[in-house]
Amino acid sequence: VQLQASGGGLVQPGGSLRLSCAASVSITSITIMGWYRQAPGKQRDLVATITTGGSARYADSVKGRFTISRDNDNNTIYLQMNSLQPEDTAVYYCYAHKWIYNYWGKGTQVTVSS
């Protein structure tokens, strides 16, 4: 499984971005997909995940601001990020769990700064 993330960039506090992650296989065959992020000097942390059934899970720090969704027809998941704050600055990684394997895409940088 190859994952291609896109959509990062520089945004002002309070702004929005939408990340996309396109998979090389049908995402209906992937049990869980999601996003993690890693800020400089910190560990990689869960942001949000979504199952094949559409159940979503969020880190407490992003609940109410971020929304994860999936488009099975285009084998893509999205992360809509609203009300972005400087503490959301990180490299965001797309993640997939299929059978017993975990897959990671290359990260996309999100910088929130005025």
Protein backbone atom coordinates (compact mmCIF):
# COMPACT_ATOMS: atom_id res chain seq x y z
CA VAL A 1 0.00 0.00 0.00
CA GLN A 2 1.38 3.37 -1.00
CA LEU A 3 0.01 6.53 0.52
CA GLN A 4 0.39 9.98 -1.03
CA ALA A 5 -0.40 12.90 1.24
CA SER A 6 -0.93 16.45 0.08
CA GLY A 7 -2.50 19.72 1.13
CA GLY A 8 -0.10 21.07 3.72
CA GLY A 9 1.11 24.62 3.77
CA LEU A 10 1.38 27.85 5.69
CA VAL A 11 -1.77 29.28 7.23
CA GLN A 12 -2.53 32.02 9.72
CA PRO A 13 -4.00 31.23 13.14
CA GLY A 14 -7.72 30.67 12.82
CA GLY A 15 -7.38 29.51 9.25
CA SER A 16 -8.22 26.22 7.58
CA LEU A 17 -6.50 23.56 5.51
CA ARG A 18 -7.62 20.27 4.02
CA LEU A 19 -5.19 17.39 3.81
CA SER A 20 -5.68 14.54 1.35
CA CYS A 21 -4.23 11.05 1.36
CA ALA A 22 -4.58 8.93 -1.74
CA ALA A 23 -4.02 5.18 -1.44
CA SER A 24 -2.66 2.90 -4.17
CA VAL A 25 -5.28 0.25 -3.35
CA SER A 26 -8.97 0.22 -2.66
CA ILE A 27 -9.43 1.76 0.78
CA THR A 28 -12.37 -0.53 1.42
CA SER A 29 -9.70 -3.21 1.96
CA ILE A 30 -7.95 -1.13 4.62
CA THR A 31 -9.24 -1.59 8.15
CA ILE A 32 -8.17 1.76 9.57
CA MET A 33 -6.79 4.89 7.95
CA GLY A 34 -5.85 8.12 9.58
CA TRP A 35 -3.47 10.92 10.34
CA TYR A 36 -0.66 11.34 12.82
CA ARG A 37 1.51 14.39 13.36
CA GLN A 38 4.97 15.07 14.63
CA ALA A 39 6.18 18.44 15.84
CA PRO A 40 9.90 19.20 16.07
CA GLY A 41 11.47 17.43 19.04
CA LYS A 42 8.27 15.55 19.87
CA GLN A 43 6.91 12.08 19.29
CA ARG A 44 4.48 11.21 16.55
CA ASP A 45 0.95 11.47 17.90
CA LEU A 46 -2.47 10.36 16.73
CA VAL A 47 -4.63 13.07 15.20
CA ALA A 48 -7.60 11.16 13.80
CA THR A 49 -8.52 7.76 12.42
CA ILE A 50 -11.45 6.35 10.49
CA THR A 51 -12.52 2.74 9.99
CA THR A 52 -13.98 1.07 6.92
CA GLY A 53 -17.34 1.45 8.61
CA GLY A 54 -16.85 5.18 8.95
CA SER A 55 -16.24 5.34 12.70
CA ALA A 56 -13.97 8.23 13.52
CA ARG A 57 -11.70 8.84 16.46
CA TYR A 58 -9.95 12.10 17.36
CA ALA A 59 -7.24 13.32 19.66
CA ASP A 60 -8.72 15.51 22.39
CA SER A 61 -6.67 18.45 21.16
CA VAL A 62 -8.42 18.51 17.76
CA LYS A 63 -11.98 17.48 18.64
CA GLY A 64 -14.48 19.96 17.30
CA ARG A 65 -11.92 21.53 14.94
CA PHE A 66 -10.77 18.68 12.69
CA THR A 67 -12.92 16.29 10.67
CA ILE A 68 -11.71 13.10 9.03
CA SER A 69 -13.62 11.64 6.10
CA ARG A 70 -13.19 9.07 3.38
CA ASP A 71 -14.05 8.81 -0.30
CA ASN A 72 -14.11 5.15 -1.23
CA ASP A 73 -14.68 5.88 -4.92
CA ASN A 74 -11.41 7.81 -5.11
CA ASN A 75 -9.47 5.77 -2.53
CA THR A 76 -8.77 8.92 -0.59
CA ILE A 77 -9.17 10.15 2.93
CA TYR A 78 -9.29 13.76 4.01
CA LEU A 79 -8.58 15.79 7.10
CA GLN A 80 -10.43 19.08 7.24
CA MET A 81 -8.65 21.30 9.74
CA ASN A 82 -10.40 24.42 10.98
CA SER A 83 -9.51 27.00 13.60
CA LEU A 84 -5.86 26.12 13.25
CA GLN A 85 -3.52 27.23 16.00
CA PRO A 86 0.28 27.51 16.20
CA GLU A 87 0.36 24.32 18.27
CA ASP A 88 -1.03 22.45 15.27
CA THR A 89 2.25 23.09 13.45
CA ALA A 90 3.77 19.72 12.59
CA VAL A 91 4.50 17.27 9.85
CA TYR A 92 1.31 15.32 9.21
CA TYR A 93 1.56 11.67 8.18
CA CYS A 94 -1.07 9.53 6.54
CA TYR A 95 -1.44 6.05 8.05
CA ALA A 96 -3.09 2.80 7.01
CA HIS A 97 -3.56 -0.47 8.85
CA LYS A 98 -4.32 -3.44 6.62
CA TRP A 99 -4.36 -6.98 7.97
CA ILE A 100 -1.27 -7.09 10.22
CA TYR A 101 0.68 -4.37 8.50
CA ASN A 102 1.03 -0.64 9.07
CA TYR A 103 1.81 1.74 6.24
CA TRP A 104 2.95 5.35 6.33
CA GLY A 105 3.01 8.01 3.69
CA LYS A 106 5.57 10.77 3.41
CA GLY A 107 4.62 13.66 5.60
CA THR A 108 3.18 16.97 4.61
CA GLN A 109 4.19 20.09 6.53
CA VAL A 110 1.53 22.22 8.18
CA THR A 111 2.72 25.53 9.59
CA VAL A 112 0.38 27.84 11.49
CA SER A 113 1.91 31.25 11.94
CA SER A 114 1.11 34.90 11.56
